[in-house]
Amino acid sequence: MIELAEGGRWDLDMVDNASGDRYPVRSTLVAVIPPEYLEGVEAAVPGSGPQNELRLRIWLHDHGSKTRLTIHQGPFTAEFRAMTQAGWEASFVTIDELLASGVA
């Protein structure tokens, strides 16, 4: 669920593809500048992970027929930085596959 406004919510569940385990993350949007910037403060649902009060910043850069996406997220320990990077990369592979299949 996304409420695209300052003070709005961005709720998502991360899913471990191997186990099917779900890790809910709930965010409050603190800055929304359409169509180029989102910033949220994230908190893991109790019991779903140790990371809380993370900042997620997303910039969308217009390059004519393409859009460049820049994501900054943290602060993380080294262990969680690697896990988060792997998670984002897997998410983008899944999005690419969905777009290529015509499902999305």
C-alpha atoms as a PDB file:
ATOM      1  CA  MET A   1       0.000   0.000   0.000  1.00  0.00           C
ATOM      2  CA  ILE A   2       1.245   3.484  -0.835  1.00  0.00           C
ATOM      3  CA  GLU A   3      -0.302   6.782   0.281  1.00  0.00           C
ATOM      4  CA  LEU A   4       1.738   9.145  -1.879  1.00  0.00           C
ATOM      5  CA  ALA A   5       1.765  12.280   0.302  1.00  0.00           C
ATOM      6  CA  GLU A   6       3.875  13.681   3.125  1.00  0.00           C
ATOM      7  CA  GLY A   7       2.767  11.864   6.261  1.00  0.00           C
ATOM      8  CA  GLY A   8       1.431   9.026   4.095  1.00  0.00           C
ATOM      9  CA  ARG A   9       2.313   5.331   4.391  1.00  0.00           C
ATOM     10  CA  TRP A  10       4.349   2.956   2.275  1.00  0.00           C
ATOM     11  CA  ASP A  11       3.791  -0.578   3.517  1.00  0.00           C
ATOM     12  CA  LEU A  12       5.497  -3.561   1.927  1.00  0.00           C
ATOM     13  CA  ASP A  13       6.476  -7.118   2.716  1.00  0.00           C
ATOM     14  CA  MET A  14       9.898  -8.404   1.737  1.00  0.00           C
ATOM     15  CA  VAL A  15       9.706 -12.093   0.821  1.00  0.00           C
ATOM     16  CA  ASP A  16      12.540 -14.607   1.024  1.00  0.00           C
ATOM     17  CA  ASN A  17      12.184 -16.498  -2.267  1.00  0.00           C
ATOM     18  CA  ALA A  18      13.857 -19.611  -0.843  1.00  0.00           C
ATOM     19  CA  SER A  19      11.752 -19.998   2.306  1.00  0.00           C
ATOM     20  CA  GLY A  20       8.676 -17.892   1.587  1.00  0.00           C
ATOM     21  CA  ASP A  21       9.204 -16.054   4.887  1.00  0.00           C
ATOM     22  CA  ARG A  22       7.733 -12.543   4.914  1.00  0.00           C
ATOM     23  CA  TYR A  23       9.333  -9.503   6.528  1.00  0.00           C
ATOM     24  CA  PRO A  24       6.911  -6.578   6.829  1.00  0.00           C
ATOM     25  CA  VAL A  25       8.320  -3.059   6.585  1.00  0.00           C
ATOM     26  CA  ARG A  26       6.200  -0.023   7.373  1.00  0.00           C
ATOM     27  CA  SER A  27       7.281   3.444   6.280  1.00  0.00           C
ATOM     28  CA  THR A  28       6.084   6.971   6.847  1.00  0.00           C
ATOM     29  CA  LEU A  29       6.725   9.287   3.906  1.00  0.00           C
ATOM     30  CA  VAL A  30       8.406  12.459   5.140  1.00  0.00           C
ATOM     31  CA  ALA A  31       9.011  14.098   1.748  1.00  0.00           C
ATOM     32  CA  VAL A  32       7.186  13.716  -1.564  1.00  0.00           C
ATOM     33  CA  ILE A  33       8.159  15.868  -4.542  1.00  0.00           C
ATOM     34  CA  PRO A  34       6.330  14.544  -7.615  1.00  0.00           C
ATOM     35  CA  PRO A  35       7.572  13.245  -9.939  1.00  0.00           C
ATOM     36  CA  GLU A  36      11.171  13.187  -8.770  1.00  0.00           C
ATOM     37  CA  TYR A  37      11.711  12.435  -5.056  1.00  0.00           C
ATOM     38  CA  LEU A  38      10.413  10.278  -2.196  1.00  0.00           C
ATOM     39  CA  GLU A  39      11.805   9.956   1.309  1.00  0.00           C
ATOM     40  CA  GLY A  40      10.515   7.654   3.984  1.00  0.00           C
ATOM     41  CA  VAL A  41      11.402   6.558   7.499  1.00  0.00           C
ATOM     42  CA  GLU A  42      11.188   2.770   7.714  1.00  0.00           C
ATOM     43  CA  ALA A  43      10.550   0.483  10.647  1.00  0.00           C
ATOM     44  CA  ALA A  44      10.457  -3.295  10.640  1.00  0.00           C
ATOM     45  CA  VAL A  45       7.365  -4.791  12.229  1.00  0.00           C
ATOM     46  CA  PRO A  46       8.389  -6.183  15.652  1.00  0.00           C
ATOM     47  CA  GLY A  47       9.778  -9.673  15.313  1.00  0.00           C
ATOM     48  CA  SER A  48      10.443  -9.343  11.572  1.00  0.00           C
ATOM     49  CA  GLY A  49      13.911  -7.846  11.683  1.00  0.00           C
ATOM     50  CA  PRO A  50      16.329  -5.748  13.687  1.00  0.00           C
ATOM     51  CA  GLN A  51      16.518  -2.678  11.460  1.00  0.00           C
ATOM     52  CA  ASN A  52      14.467   0.353  12.492  1.00  0.00           C
ATOM     53  CA  GLU A  53      14.470   4.051  11.751  1.00  0.00           C
ATOM     54  CA  LEU A  54      16.062   3.594   8.361  1.00  0.00           C
ATOM     55  CA  ARG A  55      15.839   6.343   5.760  1.00  0.00           C
ATOM     56  CA  LEU A  56      14.916   5.443   2.216  1.00  0.00           C
ATOM     57  CA  ARG A  57      15.502   8.148  -0.375  1.00  0.00           C
ATOM     58  CA  ILE A  58      14.462   7.634  -3.989  1.00  0.00           C
ATOM     59  CA  TRP A  59      15.268  10.025  -6.829  1.00  0.00           C
ATOM     60  CA  LEU A  60      13.842   9.690 -10.336  1.00  0.00           C
ATOM     61  CA  HIS A  61      15.930  11.450 -13.004  1.00  0.00           C
ATOM     62  CA  ASP A  62      14.320  12.251 -16.367  1.00  0.00           C
ATOM     63  CA  HIS A  63      16.549  11.328 -19.307  1.00  0.00           C
ATOM     64  CA  GLY A  64      14.073  11.792 -22.136  1.00  0.00           C
ATOM     65  CA  SER A  65      12.834   8.336 -23.122  1.00  0.00           C
ATOM     66  CA  LYS A  66      14.459   6.772 -20.041  1.00  0.00           C
ATOM     67  CA  THR A  67      14.393   7.337 -16.288  1.00  0.00           C
ATOM     68  CA  ARG A  68      17.374   6.796 -13.988  1.00  0.00           C
ATOM     69  CA  LEU A  69      16.549   5.639 -10.460  1.00  0.00           C
ATOM     70  CA  THR A  70      18.864   6.455  -7.540  1.00  0.00           C
ATOM     71  CA  ILE A  71      18.236   4.824  -4.159  1.00  0.00           C
ATOM     72  CA  HIS A  72      19.934   5.617  -0.853  1.00  0.00           C
ATOM     73  CA  GLN A  73      18.959   3.645   2.240  1.00  0.00           C
ATOM     74  CA  GLY A  74      20.431   3.305   5.719  1.00  0.00           C
ATOM     75  CA  PRO A  75      22.135   3.474   8.086  1.00  0.00           C
ATOM     76  CA  PHE A  76      23.051  -0.215   8.091  1.00  0.00           C
ATOM     77  CA  THR A  77      25.581  -2.487   9.666  1.00  0.00           C
ATOM     78  CA  ALA A  78      27.900  -4.071   7.070  1.00  0.00           C
ATOM     79  CA  GLU A  79      25.922  -7.333   7.286  1.00  0.00           C
ATOM     80  CA  PHE A  80      22.579  -5.667   6.620  1.00  0.00           C
ATOM     81  CA  ARG A  81      24.030  -3.455   3.876  1.00  0.00           C
ATOM     82  CA  ALA A  82      25.004  -6.575   1.895  1.00  0.00           C
ATOM     83  CA  MET A  83      21.630  -8.250   2.538  1.00  0.00           C
ATOM     84  CA  THR A  84      19.754  -5.107   1.523  1.00  0.00           C
ATOM     85  CA  GLN A  85      21.774  -4.690  -1.653  1.00  0.00           C
ATOM     86  CA  ALA A  86      21.072  -8.310  -2.605  1.00  0.00           C
ATOM     87  CA  GLY A  87      17.374  -7.764  -1.887  1.00  0.00           C
ATOM     88  CA  TRP A  88      17.138  -4.675  -4.093  1.00  0.00           C
ATOM     89  CA  GLU A  89      19.014  -6.438  -6.903  1.00  0.00           C
ATOM     90  CA  ALA A  90      16.664  -9.448  -6.720  1.00  0.00           C
ATOM     91  CA  SER A  91      13.665  -7.104  -6.756  1.00  0.00           C
ATOM     92  CA  PHE A  92      14.849  -5.402  -9.937  1.00  0.00           C
ATOM     93  CA  VAL A  93      15.491  -8.762 -11.630  1.00  0.00           C
ATOM     94  CA  THR A  94      11.906  -9.775 -10.769  1.00  0.00           C
ATOM     95  CA  ILE A  95      10.529  -6.467 -12.122  1.00  0.00           C
ATOM     96  CA  ASP A  96      12.510  -6.913 -15.356  1.00  0.00           C
ATOM     97  CA  GLU A  97      11.129 -10.454 -15.742  1.00  0.00           C
ATOM     98  CA  LEU A  98       7.546  -9.291 -15.149  1.00  0.00           C
ATOM     99  CA  LEU A  99       7.870  -6.454 -17.637  1.00  0.00           C
ATOM    100  CA  ALA A 100       9.445  -8.750 -20.248  1.00  0.00           C
ATOM    101  CA  SER A 101       6.622 -11.287 -19.817  1.00  0.00           C
ATOM    102  CA  GLY A 102       3.913  -8.688 -20.301  1.00  0.00           C
ATOM    103  CA  VAL A 103       2.341  -9.465 -16.908  1.00  0.00           C
ATOM    104  CA  ALA A 104       3.084  -6.035 -15.413  1.00  0.00           C
END
